[in-house]
C-alpha atoms as a PDB file:
ATOM      1  CA  MET A   1      16.916 -14.287 -57.274  1.00  0.00           C
ATOM      2  CA  HIS A   2      16.311 -10.468 -57.588  1.00  0.00           C
ATOM      3  CA  LYS A   3      13.628  -9.674 -54.870  1.00  0.00           C
ATOM      4  CA  ARG A   4      16.179 -11.798 -52.548  1.00  0.00           C
ATOM      5  CA  ALA A   5      19.322  -9.891 -53.186  1.00  0.00           C
ATOM      6  CA  LYS A   6      17.206  -6.382 -52.780  1.00  0.00           C
ATOM      7  CA  HIS A   7      15.839  -7.549 -49.468  1.00  0.00           C
ATOM      8  CA  ARG A   8      19.628  -8.865 -48.167  1.00  0.00           C
ATOM      9  CA  LEU A   9      20.713  -5.091 -49.581  1.00  0.00           C
ATOM     10  CA  LEU A  10      17.840  -3.380 -47.913  1.00  0.00           C
ATOM     11  CA  GLY A  11      18.259  -5.533 -44.750  1.00  0.00           C
ATOM     12  CA  VAL A  12      21.646  -4.860 -44.513  1.00  0.00           C
ATOM     13  CA  LEU A  13      21.683  -1.055 -44.990  1.00  0.00           C
ATOM     14  CA  THR A  14      18.667  -0.930 -42.302  1.00  0.00           C
ATOM     15  CA  GLY A  15      19.921  -3.392 -39.761  1.00  0.00           C
ATOM     16  CA  ILE A  16      23.543  -1.487 -40.001  1.00  0.00           C
ATOM     17  CA  GLY A  17      22.224   1.939 -39.713  1.00  0.00           C
ATOM     18  CA  SER A  18      19.656   1.328 -37.255  1.00  0.00           C
ATOM     19  CA  ALA A  19      22.451  -0.276 -35.252  1.00  0.00           C
ATOM     20  CA  LEU A  20      24.833   2.735 -35.322  1.00  0.00           C
ATOM     21  CA  LEU A  21      21.865   4.988 -34.453  1.00  0.00           C
ATOM     22  CA  LEU A  22      21.459   3.077 -31.188  1.00  0.00           C
ATOM     23  CA  VAL A  23      25.204   2.773 -30.690  1.00  0.00           C
ATOM     24  CA  TYR A  24      25.972   6.422 -31.388  1.00  0.00           C
ATOM     25  CA  SER A  25      23.258   7.436 -29.517  1.00  0.00           C
ATOM     26  CA  GLY A  26      24.884   6.682 -26.471  1.00  0.00           C
ATOM     27  CA  ILE A  27      21.985   4.283 -24.850  1.00  0.00           C
ATOM     28  CA  GLN A  28      23.073   1.690 -23.105  1.00  0.00           C
ATOM     29  CA  ILE A  29      21.130  -1.845 -23.074  1.00  0.00           C
ATOM     30  CA  PRO A  30      23.304  -4.205 -20.578  1.00  0.00           C
ATOM     31  CA  PHE A  31      21.713  -7.145 -21.541  1.00  0.00           C
ATOM     32  CA  LEU A  32      21.890  -6.625 -25.875  1.00  0.00           C
ATOM     33  CA  ASN A  33      24.473  -9.121 -26.275  1.00  0.00           C
ATOM     34  CA  ALA A  34      22.814 -12.102 -24.119  1.00  0.00           C
ATOM     35  CA  ALA A  35      19.470 -11.101 -26.063  1.00  0.00           C
ATOM     36  CA  ALA A  36      21.446 -10.880 -29.425  1.00  0.00           C
ATOM     37  CA  VAL A  37      23.052 -14.498 -28.725  1.00  0.00           C
ATOM     38  CA  LEU A  38      19.588 -16.103 -28.179  1.00  0.00           C
ATOM     39  CA  LEU A  39      17.541 -14.050 -30.587  1.00  0.00           C
ATOM     40  CA  ILE A  40      19.831 -14.416 -33.982  1.00  0.00           C
ATOM     41  CA  PRO A  41      18.971 -17.950 -34.421  1.00  0.00           C
ATOM     42  CA  LEU A  42      15.353 -17.270 -33.945  1.00  0.00           C
ATOM     43  CA  THR A  43      15.421 -15.491 -37.191  1.00  0.00           C
ATOM     44  CA  ILE A  44      16.471 -18.091 -39.244  1.00  0.00           C
ATOM     45  CA  PRO A  45      12.782 -19.546 -39.890  1.00  0.00           C
ATOM     46  CA  LEU A  46      11.316 -15.938 -40.394  1.00  0.00           C
ATOM     47  CA  ASN A  47       9.492 -15.801 -43.699  1.00  0.00           C
ATOM     48  CA  ASN A  48      10.201 -12.105 -44.096  1.00  0.00           C
ATOM     49  CA  TYR A  49      13.486 -12.278 -45.662  1.00  0.00           C
ATOM     50  CA  LEU A  50      13.888  -8.509 -45.220  1.00  0.00           C
ATOM     51  CA  PHE A  51      12.696  -8.157 -41.664  1.00  0.00           C
ATOM     52  CA  ALA A  52      14.972 -11.428 -40.923  1.00  0.00           C
ATOM     53  CA  PHE A  53      18.006  -9.868 -42.305  1.00  0.00           C
ATOM     54  CA  SER A  54      17.671  -6.678 -40.842  1.00  0.00           C
ATOM     55  CA  LEU A  55      16.941  -7.707 -37.473  1.00  0.00           C
ATOM     56  CA  ARG A  56      19.962 -10.326 -37.853  1.00  0.00           C
ATOM     57  CA  CYS A  57      22.233  -7.407 -38.794  1.00  0.00           C
ATOM     58  CA  PHE A  58      21.043  -5.225 -36.316  1.00  0.00           C
ATOM     59  CA  LEU A  59      21.271  -7.513 -33.391  1.00  0.00           C
ATOM     60  CA  GLY A  60      24.911  -8.617 -34.129  1.00  0.00           C
ATOM     61  CA  LEU A  61      26.307  -5.234 -34.727  1.00  0.00           C
ATOM     62  CA  ALA A  62      24.371  -3.833 -31.808  1.00  0.00           C
ATOM     63  CA  ALA A  63      25.593  -6.142 -29.710  1.00  0.00           C
ATOM     64  CA  THR A  64      29.161  -5.774 -30.989  1.00  0.00           C
ATOM     65  CA  GLY A  65      28.807  -2.189 -31.000  1.00  0.00           C
ATOM     66  CA  VAL A  66      27.905  -1.629 -27.405  1.00  0.00           C
ATOM     67  CA  LEU A  67      31.545  -1.109 -26.589  1.00  0.00           C
ATOM     68  CA  ILE A  68      32.616   0.997 -29.394  1.00  0.00           C
ATOM     69  CA  THR A  69      35.906  -0.700 -30.503  1.00  0.00           C
ATOM     70  CA  GLY A  70      37.778  -2.306 -33.280  1.00  0.00           C
ATOM     71  CA  PHE A  71      36.074  -5.137 -33.208  1.00  0.00           C
ATOM     72  CA  SER A  72      32.789  -3.485 -33.799  1.00  0.00           C
ATOM     73  CA  LEU A  73      34.199  -1.954 -36.971  1.00  0.00           C
ATOM     74  CA  GLU A  74      35.503  -5.084 -37.938  1.00  0.00           C
ATOM     75  CA  LYS A  75      31.960  -6.765 -37.513  1.00  0.00           C
ATOM     76  CA  LEU A  76      30.751  -4.020 -39.445  1.00  0.00           C
ATOM     77  CA  LEU A  77      33.011  -4.527 -42.081  1.00  0.00           C
ATOM     78  CA  ALA A  78      32.425  -8.208 -42.401  1.00  0.00           C
ATOM     79  CA  VAL A  79      28.428  -7.811 -42.634  1.00  0.00           C
ATOM     80  CA  LEU A  80      29.343  -5.663 -45.478  1.00  0.00           C
ATOM     81  CA  VAL A  81      31.333  -7.816 -47.166  1.00  0.00           C
ATOM     82  CA  GLY A  82      29.228 -11.108 -46.151  1.00  0.00           C
ATOM     83  CA  GLY A  83      26.394  -9.289 -47.694  1.00  0.00           C
ATOM     84  CA  ALA A  84      28.210  -8.441 -50.918  1.00  0.00           C
ATOM     85  CA  VAL A  85      29.602 -11.958 -51.076  1.00  0.00           C
ATOM     86  CA  GLY A  86      26.183 -13.646 -50.890  1.00  0.00           C
ATOM     87  CA  VAL A  87      24.638 -11.579 -53.635  1.00  0.00           C
ATOM     88  CA  LEU A  88      27.520 -12.269 -55.835  1.00  0.00           C
ATOM     89  CA  LEU A  89      27.493 -15.801 -55.229  1.00  0.00           C
ATOM     90  CA  SER A  90      23.850 -15.817 -55.718  1.00  0.00           C
ATOM     91  CA  TYR A  91      23.987 -14.487 -59.358  1.00  0.00           C
ATOM     92  CA  PHE A  92      26.693 -16.512 -60.234  1.00  0.00           C
ATOM     93  CA  VAL A  93      24.708 -19.753 -58.903  1.00  0.00           C
ATOM     94  CA  THR A  94      21.724 -18.682 -60.853  1.00  0.00           C
ATOM     95  CA  TYR A  95      23.706 -18.078 -63.925  1.00  0.00           C
ATOM     96  CA  ILE A  96      25.148 -21.093 -63.858  1.00  0.00           C
ATOM     97  CA  HIS A  97      21.800 -23.313 -63.105  1.00  0.00           C
ATOM     98  CA  GLN A  98      20.233 -21.011 -66.167  1.00  0.00           C
ATOM     99  CA  SER A  99      23.158 -21.898 -68.617  1.00  0.00           C
ATOM    100  CA  PHE A 100      22.985 -25.609 -67.290  1.00  0.00           C
ATOM    101  CA  THR A 101      19.128 -26.097 -67.926  1.00  0.00           C
ATOM    102  CA  THR A 102      19.267 -24.201 -71.385  1.00  0.00           C
ATOM    103  CA  TYR A 103      22.090 -26.343 -72.260  1.00  0.00           C
ATOM    104  CA  LYS A 104      20.196 -29.570 -71.354  1.00  0.00           C
ATOM    105  CA  ALA A 105      17.367 -28.306 -73.259  1.00  0.00           C
ATOM    106  CA  SER A 106      19.220 -27.745 -76.339  1.00  0.00           C
ATOM    107  CA  GLU A 107      20.096 -31.356 -76.750  1.00  0.00           C
END
């Protein structure tokens, strides 16, 4: 569980950082939005969670960040908040599961 949470956090930081570098460098990739729509679902079955999450964050932010607007900043915030909520929920579910299995074992 801790490994996956660490990979999620590193993936968010890596994906966001590389997307912001691409966007703020001024490189224009006109087909990036269409490519992101096609490639993001393909990252779901990847076994390397760090790579998959980094790629998802990168594609999502780079596609919306091609036109720097308030929307791309909202997307950035949504990715950060979503990652934090996912980590917190995974720790909560793990805690509940461990409590339940300990309770069952004590009966």
